[in-house]
Amino acid sequence: MPENLKRELFGLPPRYRDSVRQITPGLPLFLYNYSTHQLHGVFEAASFGGTNIDPTAWEDKKNQGESSFPAQVRVTTRSLYKPLEEDSFRPILHHYDGPKFRLELNIPEALSLLDVFEEKKN
């Protein structure tokens, strides 16, 4: 996560390129930490989603000059809240295959997550 914030860049593996390309400036974004199972937010897309916006980010050790997470979007921090624990956001997201959830959010899901972050602030 520190690299994401330092670079103001989010990245995903190549299989998510089509999803990331649908991101437009101003869209609210959230960062899920796979290690801690926490959701961080709230961020905002500062660019259109693309491929290898910064190829040096998360450089692939096997392929110098290539990113392990080439599906990228520039971000800014809208508001930084305490991370949400999985039990507080799990009911909002569309799950499949046990703990896995869809990365793309619909409008009601995004609005609900924004509400949960705001509620947890107080």
PDB file of N, CA and C in Angstrom:
ATOM      1  N   MET A   1       0.810  -1.206   0.000  1.00  0.00           N
ATOM      2  CA  MET A   1       0.000   0.000   0.000  1.00  0.00           C
ATOM      3  C   MET A   1       0.851   1.267   0.000  1.00  0.00           C
ATOM      4  N   PRO A   2       1.979   1.290   0.712  1.00  0.00           N
ATOM      5  CA  PRO A   2       2.782   2.524   0.684  1.00  0.00           C
ATOM      6  C   PRO A   2       3.199   2.929  -0.732  1.00  0.00           C
ATOM      7  N   GLU A   3       3.527   1.925  -1.579  1.00  0.00           N
ATOM      8  CA  GLU A   3       3.920   2.268  -2.949  1.00  0.00           C
ATOM      9  C   GLU A   3       2.753   2.871  -3.717  1.00  0.00           C
ATOM     10  N   ASN A   4       1.531   2.350  -3.480  1.00  0.00           N
ATOM     11  CA  ASN A   4       0.351   2.909  -4.136  1.00  0.00           C
ATOM     12  C   ASN A   4       0.202   4.390  -3.809  1.00  0.00           C
ATOM     13  N   LEU A   5       0.319   4.719  -2.522  1.00  0.00           N
ATOM     14  CA  LEU A   5       0.105   6.100  -2.090  1.00  0.00           C
ATOM     15  C   LEU A   5       1.251   7.003  -2.527  1.00  0.00           C
ATOM     16  N   LYS A   6       2.481   6.497  -2.446  1.00  0.00           N
ATOM     17  CA  LYS A   6       3.637   7.302  -2.838  1.00  0.00           C
ATOM     18  C   LYS A   6       3.580   7.654  -4.325  1.00  0.00           C
ATOM     19  N   ARG A   7       3.235   6.697  -5.133  1.00  0.00           N
ATOM     20  CA  ARG A   7       3.178   6.909  -6.582  1.00  0.00           C
ATOM     21  C   ARG A   7       1.843   7.503  -7.041  1.00  0.00           C
ATOM     22  N   GLU A   8       0.861   7.524  -6.140  1.00  0.00           N
ATOM     23  CA  GLU A   8      -0.505   7.930  -6.491  1.00  0.00           C
ATOM     24  C   GLU A   8      -0.987   7.129  -7.697  1.00  0.00           C
ATOM     25  N   LEU A   9      -0.838   5.814  -7.556  1.00  0.00           N
ATOM     26  CA  LEU A   9      -1.117   4.903  -8.657  1.00  0.00           C
ATOM     27  C   LEU A   9      -1.646   3.587  -8.096  1.00  0.00           C
ATOM     28  N   PHE A  10      -2.709   3.085  -8.700  1.00  0.00           N
ATOM     29  CA  PHE A  10      -3.199   1.751  -8.372  1.00  0.00           C
ATOM     30  C   PHE A  10      -2.900   0.868  -9.571  1.00  0.00           C
ATOM     31  N   GLY A  11      -2.585  -0.398  -9.292  1.00  0.00           N
ATOM     32  CA  GLY A  11      -2.302  -1.332 -10.370  1.00  0.00           C
ATOM     33  C   GLY A  11      -2.881  -2.700 -10.090  1.00  0.00           C
ATOM     34  N   LEU A  12      -3.238  -3.378 -11.166  1.00  0.00           N
ATOM     35  CA  LEU A  12      -3.756  -4.744 -11.103  1.00  0.00           C
ATOM     36  C   LEU A  12      -3.063  -5.602 -12.151  1.00  0.00           C
ATOM     37  N   PRO A  13      -3.138  -6.936 -12.015  1.00  0.00           N
ATOM     38  CA  PRO A  13      -2.534  -7.827 -13.004  1.00  0.00           C
ATOM     39  C   PRO A  13      -3.161  -7.642 -14.396  1.00  0.00           C
ATOM     40  N   PRO A  14      -2.480  -8.138 -15.421  1.00  0.00           N
ATOM     41  CA  PRO A  14      -2.938  -7.952 -16.812  1.00  0.00           C
ATOM     42  C   PRO A  14      -4.374  -8.386 -17.079  1.00  0.00           C
ATOM     43  N   ARG A  15      -4.856  -9.410 -16.400  1.00  0.00           N
ATOM     44  CA  ARG A  15      -6.211  -9.910 -16.685  1.00  0.00           C
ATOM     45  C   ARG A  15      -7.300  -8.877 -16.371  1.00  0.00           C
ATOM     46  N   TYR A  16      -6.951  -7.804 -15.648  1.00  0.00           N
ATOM     47  CA  TYR A  16      -7.934  -6.778 -15.295  1.00  0.00           C
ATOM     48  C   TYR A  16      -7.855  -5.535 -16.190  1.00  0.00           C
ATOM     49  N   ARG A  17      -7.100  -5.608 -17.274  1.00  0.00           N
ATOM     50  CA  ARG A  17      -6.930  -4.433 -18.149  1.00  0.00           C
ATOM     51  C   ARG A  17      -8.258  -3.855 -18.624  1.00  0.00           C
ATOM     52  N   ASP A  18      -9.168  -4.715 -19.074  1.00  0.00           N
ATOM     53  CA  ASP A  18     -10.448  -4.213 -19.588  1.00  0.00           C
ATOM     54  C   ASP A  18     -11.237  -3.492 -18.503  1.00  0.00           C
ATOM     55  N   SER A  19     -11.233  -4.029 -17.300  1.00  0.00           N
ATOM     56  CA  SER A  19     -11.948  -3.376 -16.195  1.00  0.00           C
ATOM     57  C   SER A  19     -11.321  -2.030 -15.865  1.00  0.00           C
ATOM     58  N   VAL A  20      -9.996  -1.984 -15.802  1.00  0.00           N
ATOM     59  CA  VAL A  20      -9.302  -0.742 -15.447  1.00  0.00           C
ATOM     60  C   VAL A  20      -9.487   0.312 -16.533  1.00  0.00           C
ATOM     61  N   ARG A  21      -9.553  -0.101 -17.780  1.00  0.00           N
ATOM     62  CA  ARG A  21      -9.758   0.857 -18.877  1.00  0.00           C
ATOM     63  C   ARG A  21     -11.114   1.558 -18.790  1.00  0.00           C
ATOM     64  N   GLN A  22     -12.040   1.000 -18.051  1.00  0.00           N
ATOM     65  CA  GLN A  22     -13.362   1.615 -17.899  1.00  0.00           C
ATOM     66  C   GLN A  22     -13.367   2.720 -16.844  1.00  0.00           C
ATOM     67  N   ILE A  23     -12.269   2.868 -16.109  1.00  0.00           N
ATOM     68  CA  ILE A  23     -12.186   3.888 -15.057  1.00  0.00           C
ATOM     69  C   ILE A  23     -11.996   5.262 -15.693  1.00  0.00           C
ATOM     70  N   THR A  24     -12.779   6.224 -15.215  1.00  0.00           N
ATOM     71  CA  THR A  24     -12.694   7.594 -15.714  1.00  0.00           C
ATOM     72  C   THR A  24     -12.346   8.540 -14.568  1.00  0.00           C
ATOM     73  N   PRO A  25     -11.726   9.676 -14.874  1.00  0.00           N
ATOM     74  CA  PRO A  25     -11.375  10.632 -13.813  1.00  0.00           C
ATOM     75  C   PRO A  25     -12.588  11.009 -12.960  1.00  0.00           C
ATOM     76  N   GLY A  26     -12.360  11.089 -11.649  1.00  0.00           N
ATOM     77  CA  GLY A  26     -13.415  11.453 -10.712  1.00  0.00           C
ATOM     78  C   GLY A  26     -14.128  10.278 -10.080  1.00  0.00           C
ATOM     79  N   LEU A  27     -13.941   9.083 -10.634  1.00  0.00           N
ATOM     80  CA  LEU A  27     -14.610   7.895 -10.105  1.00  0.00           C
ATOM     81  C   LEU A  27     -14.050   7.556  -8.728  1.00  0.00           C
ATOM     82  N   PRO A  28     -14.915   7.301  -7.727  1.00  0.00           N
ATOM     83  CA  PRO A  28     -14.388   6.900  -6.415  1.00  0.00           C
ATOM     84  C   PRO A  28     -13.779   5.510  -6.503  1.00  0.00           C
ATOM     85  N   LEU A  29     -12.647   5.340  -5.828  1.00  0.00           N
ATOM     86  CA  LEU A  29     -11.946   4.061  -5.833  1.00  0.00           C
ATOM     87  C   LEU A  29     -11.600   3.663  -4.407  1.00  0.00           C
ATOM     88  N   PHE A  30     -11.454   2.364  -4.212  1.00  0.00           N
ATOM     89  CA  PHE A  30     -11.105   1.804  -2.917  1.00  0.00           C
ATOM     90  C   PHE A  30      -9.941   0.843  -3.136  1.00  0.00           C
ATOM     91  N   LEU A  31      -9.130   0.663  -2.130  1.00  0.00           N
ATOM     92  CA  LEU A  31      -7.970  -0.218  -2.243  1.00  0.00           C
ATOM     93  C   LEU A  31      -8.123  -1.367  -1.254  1.00  0.00           C
ATOM     94  N   TYR A  32      -8.185  -2.584  -1.785  1.00  0.00           N
ATOM     95  CA  TYR A  32      -8.314  -3.777  -0.950  1.00  0.00           C
ATOM     96  C   TYR A  32      -6.929  -4.358  -0.709  1.00  0.00           C
ATOM     97  N   ASN A  33      -6.593  -4.584   0.546  1.00  0.00           N
ATOM     98  CA  ASN A  33      -5.323  -5.190   0.909  1.00  0.00           C
ATOM     99  C   ASN A  33      -5.555  -6.691   1.077  1.00  0.00           C
ATOM    100  N   TYR A  34      -5.007  -7.471   0.148  1.00  0.00           N
ATOM    101  CA  TYR A  34      -5.210  -8.918   0.174  1.00  0.00           C
ATOM    102  C   TYR A  34      -4.557  -9.582   1.375  1.00  0.00           C
ATOM    103  N   SER A  35      -3.532  -8.971   1.935  1.00  0.00           N
ATOM    104  CA  SER A  35      -2.846  -9.551   3.096  1.00  0.00           C
ATOM    105  C   SER A  35      -3.631  -9.361   4.382  1.00  0.00           C
ATOM    106  N   THR A  36      -4.181  -8.160   4.584  1.00  0.00           N
ATOM    107  CA  THR A  36      -4.893  -7.865   5.827  1.00  0.00           C
ATOM    108  C   THR A  36      -6.406  -8.015   5.700  1.00  0.00           C
ATOM    109  N   HIS A  37      -6.903  -8.164   4.474  1.00  0.00           N
ATOM    110  CA  HIS A  37      -8.341  -8.256   4.192  1.00  0.00           C
ATOM    111  C   HIS A  37      -9.069  -6.990   4.635  1.00  0.00           C
ATOM    112  N   GLN A  38      -8.411  -5.852   4.468  1.00  0.00           N
ATOM    113  CA  GLN A  38      -9.008  -4.562   4.806  1.00  0.00           C
ATOM    114  C   GLN A  38      -9.220  -3.752   3.534  1.00  0.00           C
ATOM    115  N   LEU A  39     -10.227  -2.883   3.592  1.00  0.00           N
ATOM    116  CA  LEU A  39     -10.535  -1.996   2.476  1.00  0.00           C
ATOM    117  C   LEU A  39     -10.154  -0.581   2.879  1.00  0.00           C
ATOM    118  N   HIS A  40      -9.358   0.071   2.036  1.00  0.00           N
ATOM    119  CA  HIS A  40      -8.883   1.421   2.310  1.00  0.00           C
ATOM    120  C   HIS A  40      -9.587   2.398   1.378  1.00  0.00           C
ATOM    121  N   GLY A  41      -9.808   3.586   1.871  1.00  0.00           N
ATOM    122  CA  GLY A  41     -10.452   4.602   1.036  1.00  0.00           C
ATOM    123  C   GLY A  41     -10.512   5.901   1.782  1.00  0.00           C
ATOM    124  N   VAL A  42     -10.970   6.850   1.093  1.00  0.00           N
ATOM    125  CA  VAL A  42     -11.581   6.858  -0.211  1.00  0.00           C
ATOM    126  C   VAL A  42     -10.645   7.592  -1.163  1.00  0.00           C
ATOM    127  N   PHE A  43     -10.464   7.004  -2.350  1.00  0.00           N
ATOM    128  CA  PHE A  43      -9.591   7.562  -3.362  1.00  0.00           C
ATOM    129  C   PHE A  43     -10.431   7.969  -4.563  1.00  0.00           C
ATOM    130  N   GLU A  44      -9.805   8.663  -5.480  1.00  0.00           N
ATOM    131  CA  GLU A  44     -10.499   9.125  -6.670  1.00  0.00           C
ATOM    132  C   GLU A  44      -9.580   8.958  -7.872  1.00  0.00           C
ATOM    133  N   ALA A  45     -10.138   8.493  -8.975  1.00  0.00           N
ATOM    134  CA  ALA A  45      -9.348   8.358 -10.195  1.00  0.00           C
ATOM    135  C   ALA A  45      -8.933   9.746 -10.672  1.00  0.00           C
ATOM    136  N   ALA A  46      -7.632   9.911 -10.915  1.00  0.00           N
ATOM    137  CA  ALA A  46      -7.097  11.189 -11.409  1.00  0.00           C
ATOM    138  C   ALA A  46      -6.749  11.087 -12.889  1.00  0.00           C
ATOM    139  N   SER A  47      -6.993   9.919 -13.471  1.00  0.00           N
ATOM    140  CA  SER A  47      -6.722   9.713 -14.897  1.00  0.00           C
ATOM    141  C   SER A  47      -7.692   8.663 -15.410  1.00  0.00           C
ATOM    142  N   PHE A  48      -7.664   8.468 -16.699  1.00  0.00           N
ATOM    143  CA  PHE A  48      -8.354   7.328 -17.268  1.00  0.00           C
ATOM    144  C   PHE A  48      -7.515   6.088 -16.958  1.00  0.00           C
ATOM    145  N   GLY A  49      -8.156   4.959 -16.775  1.00  0.00           N
ATOM    146  CA  GLY A  49      -7.420   3.724 -16.578  1.00  0.00           C
ATOM    147  C   GLY A  49      -6.699   3.350 -17.853  1.00  0.00           C
ATOM    148  N   GLY A  50      -5.537   2.747 -17.726  1.00  0.00           N
ATOM    149  CA  GLY A  50      -4.762   2.383 -18.901  1.00  0.00           C
ATOM    150  C   GLY A  50      -3.784   1.265 -18.598  1.00  0.00           C
ATOM    151  N   THR A  51      -2.827   1.113 -19.495  1.00  0.00           N
ATOM    152  CA  THR A  51      -1.818   0.074 -19.372  1.00  0.00           C
ATOM    153  C   THR A  51      -0.442   0.705 -19.237  1.00  0.00           C
ATOM    154  N   ASN A  52       0.286   0.248 -18.226  1.00  0.00           N
ATOM    155  CA  ASN A  52       1.660   0.705 -17.998  1.00  0.00           C
ATOM    156  C   ASN A  52       1.801   2.229 -17.971  1.00  0.00           C
ATOM    157  N   ILE A  53       0.922   2.882 -17.227  1.00  0.00           N
ATOM    158  CA  ILE A  53       1.058   4.326 -17.029  1.00  0.00           C
ATOM    159  C   ILE A  53       2.436   4.609 -16.445  1.00  0.00           C
ATOM    160  N   ASP A  54       2.864   3.756 -15.512  1.00  0.00           N
ATOM    161  CA  ASP A  54       4.210   3.821 -14.967  1.00  0.00           C
ATOM    162  C   ASP A  54       4.778   2.396 -14.964  1.00  0.00           C
ATOM    163  N   PRO A  55       5.506   2.023 -16.023  1.00  0.00           N
ATOM    164  CA  PRO A  55       6.009   0.648 -16.108  1.00  0.00           C
ATOM    165  C   PRO A  55       7.041   0.300 -15.040  1.00  0.00           C
ATOM    166  N   THR A  56       7.572   1.308 -14.337  1.00  0.00           N
ATOM    167  CA  THR A  56       8.536   1.015 -13.269  1.00  0.00           C
ATOM    168  C   THR A  56       7.857   0.679 -11.948  1.00  0.00           C
ATOM    169  N   ALA A  57       6.564   0.907 -11.856  1.00  0.00           N
ATOM    170  CA  ALA A  57       5.828   0.588 -10.622  1.00  0.00           C
ATOM    171  C   ALA A  57       5.642  -0.924 -10.525  1.00  0.00           C
ATOM    172  N   TRP A  58       5.961  -1.484  -9.384  1.00  0.00           N
ATOM    173  CA  TRP A  58       5.834  -2.921  -9.142  1.00  0.00           C
ATOM    174  C   TRP A  58       6.575  -3.708 -10.225  1.00  0.00           C
ATOM    175  N   GLU A  59       7.820  -3.303 -10.458  1.00  0.00           N
ATOM    176  CA  GLU A  59       8.591  -3.900 -11.543  1.00  0.00           C
ATOM    177  C   GLU A  59       8.701  -5.410 -11.387  1.00  0.00           C
ATOM    178  N   ASP A  60       8.467  -6.095 -12.485  1.00  0.00           N
ATOM    179  CA  ASP A  60       8.548  -7.554 -12.540  1.00  0.00           C
ATOM    180  C   ASP A  60      10.020  -7.962 -12.479  1.00  0.00           C
ATOM    181  N   LYS A  61      10.380  -8.733 -11.474  1.00  0.00           N
ATOM    182  CA  LYS A  61      11.777  -9.128 -11.282  1.00  0.00           C
ATOM    183  C   LYS A  61      12.290  -9.997 -12.443  1.00  0.00           C
ATOM    184  N   LYS A  62      11.387 -10.739 -13.069  1.00  0.00           N
ATOM    185  CA  LYS A  62      11.779 -11.614 -14.175  1.00  0.00           C
ATOM    186  C   LYS A  62      11.887 -10.854 -15.497  1.00  0.00           C
ATOM    187  N   ASN A  63      11.113  -9.775 -15.634  1.00  0.00           N
ATOM    188  CA  ASN A  63      11.086  -8.989 -16.871  1.00  0.00           C
ATOM    189  C   ASN A  63      11.368  -7.534 -16.547  1.00  0.00           C
ATOM    190  N   GLN A  64      12.639  -7.180 -16.505  1.00  0.00           N
ATOM    191  CA  GLN A  64      13.036  -5.809 -16.168  1.00  0.00           C
ATOM    192  C   GLN A  64      12.339  -4.811 -17.091  1.00  0.00           C
ATOM    193  N   GLY A  65      11.879  -3.709 -16.523  1.00  0.00           N
ATOM    194  CA  GLY A  65      11.217  -2.669 -17.303  1.00  0.00           C
ATOM    195  C   GLY A  65       9.737  -2.915 -17.512  1.00  0.00           C
ATOM    196  N   GLU A  66       9.219  -4.016 -16.970  1.00  0.00           N
ATOM    197  CA  GLU A  66       7.796  -4.321 -17.082  1.00  0.00           C
ATOM    198  C   GLU A  66       7.188  -4.404 -15.694  1.00  0.00           C
ATOM    199  N   SER A  67       5.966  -3.944 -15.580  1.00  0.00           N
ATOM    200  CA  SER A  67       5.258  -3.967 -14.310  1.00  0.00           C
ATOM    201  C   SER A  67       4.525  -5.293 -14.134  1.00  0.00           C
ATOM    202  N   SER A  68       4.513  -5.791 -12.902  1.00  0.00           N
ATOM    203  CA  SER A  68       3.704  -6.977 -12.593  1.00  0.00           C
ATOM    204  C   SER A  68       2.220  -6.621 -12.553  1.00  0.00           C
ATOM    205  N   PHE A  69       1.940  -5.323 -12.413  1.00  0.00           N
ATOM    206  CA  PHE A  69       0.560  -4.827 -12.343  1.00  0.00           C
ATOM    207  C   PHE A  69       0.377  -3.723 -13.386  1.00  0.00           C
ATOM    208  N   PRO A  70       0.304  -4.106 -14.672  1.00  0.00           N
ATOM    209  CA  PRO A  70       0.267  -3.112 -15.745  1.00  0.00           C
ATOM    210  C   PRO A  70      -1.085  -2.427 -15.963  1.00  0.00           C
ATOM    211  N   ALA A  71      -2.168  -2.975 -15.434  1.00  0.00           N
ATOM    212  CA  ALA A  71      -3.478  -2.327 -15.547  1.00  0.00           C
ATOM    213  C   ALA A  71      -3.516  -1.248 -14.459  1.00  0.00           C
ATOM    214  N   GLN A  72      -3.333   0.014 -14.854  1.00  0.00           N
ATOM    215  CA  GLN A  72      -3.070   1.074 -13.880  1.00  0.00           C
ATOM    216  C   GLN A  72      -3.976   2.284 -14.060  1.00  0.00           C
ATOM    217  N   VAL A  73      -4.108   3.017 -12.948  1.00  0.00           N
ATOM    218  CA  VAL A  73      -4.832   4.288 -12.957  1.00  0.00           C
ATOM    219  C   VAL A  73      -4.181   5.214 -11.927  1.00  0.00           C
ATOM    220  N   ARG A  74      -4.041   6.472 -12.275  1.00  0.00           N
ATOM    221  CA  ARG A  74      -3.542   7.477 -11.335  1.00  0.00           C
ATOM    222  C   ARG A  74      -4.664   7.810 -10.361  1.00  0.00           C
ATOM    223  N   VAL A  75      -4.308   8.055  -9.099  1.00  0.00           N
ATOM    224  CA  VAL A  75      -5.312   8.341  -8.075  1.00  0.00           C
ATOM    225  C   VAL A  75      -4.897   9.533  -7.218  1.00  0.00           C
ATOM    226  N   THR A  76      -5.890  10.123  -6.590  1.00  0.00           N
ATOM    227  CA  THR A  76      -5.666  11.101  -5.532  1.00  0.00           C
ATOM    228  C   THR A  76      -6.454  10.614  -4.320  1.00  0.00           C
ATOM    229  N   THR A  77      -6.074  11.089  -3.168  1.00  0.00           N
ATOM    230  CA  THR A  77      -6.793  10.720  -1.949  1.00  0.00           C
ATOM    231  C   THR A  77      -7.925  11.711  -1.749  1.00  0.00           C
ATOM    232  N   ARG A  78      -9.143  11.201  -1.736  1.00  0.00           N
ATOM    233  CA  ARG A  78     -10.310  12.044  -1.488  1.00  0.00           C
ATOM    234  C   ARG A  78     -10.439  12.300   0.010  1.00  0.00           C
ATOM    235  N   SER A  79     -10.451  11.233   0.786  1.00  0.00           N
ATOM    236  CA  SER A  79     -10.470  11.274   2.252  1.00  0.00           C
ATOM    237  C   SER A  79      -9.850   9.986   2.741  1.00  0.00           C
ATOM    238  N   LEU A  80      -8.967  10.083   3.699  1.00  0.00           N
ATOM    239  CA  LEU A  80      -8.337   8.881   4.221  1.00  0.00           C
ATOM    240  C   LEU A  80      -8.988   8.513   5.548  1.00  0.00           C
ATOM    241  N   TYR A  81      -9.661   7.383   5.543  1.00  0.00           N
ATOM    242  CA  TYR A  81     -10.355   6.872   6.719  1.00  0.00           C
ATOM    243  C   TYR A  81      -9.575   5.694   7.281  1.00  0.00           C
ATOM    244  N   LYS A  82      -9.953   5.290   8.484  1.00  0.00           N
ATOM    245  CA  LYS A  82      -9.409   4.038   9.009  1.00  0.00           C
ATOM    246  C   LYS A  82      -9.882   2.925   8.080  1.00  0.00           C
ATOM    247  N   PRO A  83      -9.027   1.927   7.823  1.00  0.00           N
ATOM    248  CA  PRO A  83      -9.443   0.837   6.930  1.00  0.00           C
ATOM    249  C   PRO A  83     -10.649   0.092   7.498  1.00  0.00           C
ATOM    250  N   LEU A  84     -11.476  -0.376   6.584  1.00  0.00           N
ATOM    251  CA  LEU A  84     -12.642  -1.168   6.984  1.00  0.00           C
ATOM    252  C   LEU A  84     -12.238  -2.629   7.107  1.00  0.00           C
ATOM    253  N   GLU A  85     -12.692  -3.254   8.176  1.00  0.00           N
ATOM    254  CA  GLU A  85     -12.498  -4.690   8.332  1.00  0.00           C
ATOM    255  C   GLU A  85     -13.489  -5.405   7.415  1.00  0.00           C
ATOM    256  N   GLU A  86     -13.140  -6.599   7.012  1.00  0.00           N
ATOM    257  CA  GLU A  86     -13.929  -7.320   6.012  1.00  0.00           C
ATOM    258  C   GLU A  86     -15.394  -7.514   6.409  1.00  0.00           C
ATOM    259  N   ASP A  87     -15.661  -7.741   7.688  1.00  0.00           N
ATOM    260  CA  ASP A  87     -17.050  -7.972   8.085  1.00  0.00           C
ATOM    261  C   ASP A  87     -17.940  -6.744   7.878  1.00  0.00           C
ATOM    262  N   SER A  88     -17.357  -5.536   7.797  1.00  0.00           N
ATOM    263  CA  SER A  88     -18.174  -4.338   7.608  1.00  0.00           C
ATOM    264  C   SER A  88     -18.469  -4.036   6.137  1.00  0.00           C
ATOM    265  N   PHE A  89     -17.671  -4.561   5.203  1.00  0.00           N
ATOM    266  CA  PHE A  89     -17.956  -4.300   3.789  1.00  0.00           C
ATOM    267  C   PHE A  89     -18.368  -5.548   3.014  1.00  0.00           C
ATOM    268  N   ARG A  90     -18.140  -6.709   3.591  1.00  0.00           N
ATOM    269  CA  ARG A  90     -18.469  -7.964   2.900  1.00  0.00           C
ATOM    270  C   ARG A  90     -19.931  -8.049   2.460  1.00  0.00           C
ATOM    271  N   PRO A  91     -20.892  -7.653   3.282  1.00  0.00           N
ATOM    272  CA  PRO A  91     -22.297  -7.771   2.858  1.00  0.00           C
ATOM    273  C   PRO A  91     -22.656  -6.883   1.655  1.00  0.00           C
ATOM    274  N   ILE A  92     -21.869  -5.863   1.384  1.00  0.00           N
ATOM    275  CA  ILE A  92     -22.179  -4.919   0.310  1.00  0.00           C
ATOM    276  C   ILE A  92     -21.745  -5.452  -1.055  1.00  0.00           C
ATOM    277  N   LEU A  93     -20.655  -6.212  -1.076  1.00  0.00           N
ATOM    278  CA  LEU A  93     -20.048  -6.614  -2.334  1.00  0.00           C
ATOM    279  C   LEU A  93     -20.631  -7.899  -2.883  1.00  0.00           C
ATOM    280  N   HIS A  94     -20.593  -8.022  -4.204  1.00  0.00           N
ATOM    281  CA  HIS A  94     -21.065  -9.222  -4.889  1.00  0.00           C
ATOM    282  C   HIS A  94     -19.975 -10.295  -4.794  1.00  0.00           C
ATOM    283  N   HIS A  95     -20.251 -11.357  -4.044  1.00  0.00           N
ATOM    284  CA  HIS A  95     -19.277 -12.427  -3.845  1.00  0.00           C
ATOM    285  C   HIS A  95     -19.557 -13.603  -4.763  1.00  0.00           C
ATOM    286  N   TYR A  96     -18.488 -14.265  -5.111  1.00  0.00           N
ATOM    287  CA  TYR A  96     -18.581 -15.516  -5.864  1.00  0.00           C
ATOM    288  C   TYR A  96     -17.451 -16.415  -5.374  1.00  0.00           C
ATOM    289  N   ASP A  97     -17.616 -17.683  -5.488  1.00  0.00           N
ATOM    290  CA  ASP A  97     -16.572 -18.645  -5.112  1.00  0.00           C
ATOM    291  C   ASP A  97     -16.015 -18.363  -3.716  1.00  0.00           C
ATOM    292  N   GLY A  98     -16.895 -18.360  -2.733  1.00  0.00           N
ATOM    293  CA  GLY A  98     -16.461 -18.154  -1.342  1.00  0.00           C
ATOM    294  C   GLY A  98     -16.084 -16.717  -1.049  1.00  0.00           C
ATOM    295  N   PRO A  99     -14.814 -16.473  -0.675  1.00  0.00           N
ATOM    296  CA  PRO A  99     -14.428 -15.132  -0.240  1.00  0.00           C
ATOM    297  C   PRO A  99     -14.145 -14.152  -1.375  1.00  0.00           C
ATOM    298  N   LYS A 100     -14.082 -14.627  -2.620  1.00  0.00           N
ATOM    299  CA  LYS A 100     -13.755 -13.736  -3.734  1.00  0.00           C
ATOM    300  C   LYS A 100     -14.925 -12.811  -4.036  1.00  0.00           C
ATOM    301  N   PHE A 101     -14.593 -11.566  -4.397  1.00  0.00           N
ATOM    302  CA  PHE A 101     -15.643 -10.638  -4.780  1.00  0.00           C
ATOM    303  C   PHE A 101     -15.281  -9.930  -6.074  1.00  0.00           C
ATOM    304  N   ARG A 102     -16.308  -9.467  -6.764  1.00  0.00           N
ATOM    305  CA  ARG A 102     -16.136  -8.773  -8.032  1.00  0.00           C
ATOM    306  C   ARG A 102     -15.466  -7.425  -7.782  1.00  0.00           C
ATOM    307  N   LEU A 103     -14.457  -7.067  -8.559  1.00  0.00           N
ATOM    308  CA  LEU A 103     -13.745  -5.811  -8.366  1.00  0.00           C
ATOM    309  C   LEU A 103     -14.541  -4.609  -8.838  1.00  0.00           C
ATOM    310  N   GLU A 104     -15.343  -4.795  -9.882  1.00  0.00           N
ATOM    311  CA  GLU A 104     -16.140  -3.688 -10.388  1.00  0.00           C
ATOM    312  C   GLU A 104     -17.356  -3.490  -9.492  1.00  0.00           C
ATOM    313  N   LEU A 105     -17.566  -2.262  -9.081  1.00  0.00           N
ATOM    314  CA  LEU A 105     -18.714  -1.948  -8.227  1.00  0.00           C
ATOM    315  C   LEU A 105     -19.802  -1.282  -9.044  1.00  0.00           C
ATOM    316  N   ASN A 106     -21.049  -1.588  -8.715  1.00  0.00           N
ATOM    317  CA  ASN A 106     -22.128  -0.829  -9.325  1.00  0.00           C
ATOM    318  C   ASN A 106     -22.366   0.411  -8.462  1.00  0.00           C
ATOM    319  N   ILE A 107     -23.227   1.291  -8.906  1.00  0.00           N
ATOM    320  CA  ILE A 107     -23.444   2.559  -8.190  1.00  0.00           C
ATOM    321  C   ILE A 107     -23.953   2.336  -6.766  1.00  0.00           C
ATOM    322  N   PRO A 108     -24.969   1.476  -6.544  1.00  0.00           N
ATOM    323  CA  PRO A 108     -25.416   1.258  -5.162  1.00  0.00           C
ATOM    324  C   PRO A 108     -24.312   0.719  -4.247  1.00  0.00           C
ATOM    325  N   GLU A 109     -23.457  -0.172  -4.762  1.00  0.00           N
ATOM    326  CA  GLU A 109     -22.365  -0.711  -3.949  1.00  0.00           C
ATOM    327  C   GLU A 109     -21.373   0.402  -3.578  1.00  0.00           C
ATOM    328  N   ALA A 110     -21.009   1.216  -4.557  1.00  0.00           N
ATOM    329  CA  ALA A 110     -20.057   2.309  -4.294  1.00  0.00           C
ATOM    330  C   ALA A 110     -20.626   3.294  -3.281  1.00  0.00           C
ATOM    331  N   LEU A 111     -21.894   3.652  -3.443  1.00  0.00           N
ATOM    332  CA  LEU A 111     -22.525   4.591  -2.504  1.00  0.00           C
ATOM    333  C   LEU A 111     -22.604   3.991  -1.103  1.00  0.00           C
ATOM    334  N   SER A 112     -22.904   2.707  -1.024  1.00  0.00           N
ATOM    335  CA  SER A 112     -22.963   2.042   0.281  1.00  0.00           C
ATOM    336  C   SER A 112     -21.601   2.028   0.955  1.00  0.00           C
ATOM    337  N   LEU A 113     -20.552   1.766   0.188  1.00  0.00           N
ATOM    338  CA  LEU A 113     -19.203   1.782   0.766  1.00  0.00           C
ATOM    339  C   LEU A 113     -18.832   3.184   1.245  1.00  0.00           C
ATOM    340  N   LEU A 114     -19.172   4.187   0.470  1.00  0.00           N
ATOM    341  CA  LEU A 114     -18.912   5.573   0.905  1.00  0.00           C
ATOM    342  C   LEU A 114     -19.626   5.857   2.217  1.00  0.00           C
ATOM    343  N   ASP A 115     -20.857   5.379   2.337  1.00  0.00           N
ATOM    344  CA  ASP A 115     -21.613   5.552   3.587  1.00  0.00           C
ATOM    345  C   ASP A 115     -20.948   4.847   4.758  1.00  0.00           C
ATOM    346  N   VAL A 116     -20.469   3.622   4.552  1.00  0.00           N
ATOM    347  CA  VAL A 116     -19.838   2.857   5.632  1.00  0.00           C
ATOM    348  C   VAL A 116     -18.564   3.563   6.081  1.00  0.00           C
ATOM    349  N   PHE A 117     -17.761   4.036   5.150  1.00  0.00           N
ATOM    350  CA  PHE A 117     -16.558   4.778   5.532  1.00  0.00           C
ATOM    351  C   PHE A 117     -16.926   6.003   6.355  1.00  0.00           C
ATOM    352  N   GLU A 118     -17.941   6.724   5.931  1.00  0.00           N
ATOM    353  CA  GLU A 118     -18.353   7.936   6.640  1.00  0.00           C
ATOM    354  C   GLU A 118     -18.883   7.601   8.039  1.00  0.00           C
ATOM    355  N   GLU A 119     -19.663   6.518   8.165  1.00  0.00           N
ATOM    356  CA  GLU A 119     -20.185   6.097   9.463  1.00  0.00           C
ATOM    357  C   GLU A 119     -19.068   5.713  10.428  1.00  0.00           C
ATOM    358  N   LYS A 120     -18.046   5.054   9.908  1.00  0.00           N
ATOM    359  CA  LYS A 120     -16.941   4.591  10.745  1.00  0.00           C
ATOM    360  C   LYS A 120     -16.069   5.754  11.207  1.00  0.00           C
ATOM    361  N   LYS A 121     -16.181   6.893  10.537  1.00  0.00           N
ATOM    362  CA  LYS A 121     -15.390   8.072  10.908  1.00  0.00           C
ATOM    363  C   LYS A 121     -15.836   8.624  12.251  1.00  0.00           C
ATOM    364  N   ASN A 122     -17.118   8.538  12.515  1.00  0.00           N
ATOM    365  CA  ASN A 122     -17.670   9.118  13.748  1.00  0.00           C
ATOM    366  C   ASN A 122     -17.477   8.239  14.951  1.00  0.00           C
TER     367      ASN A 122
END
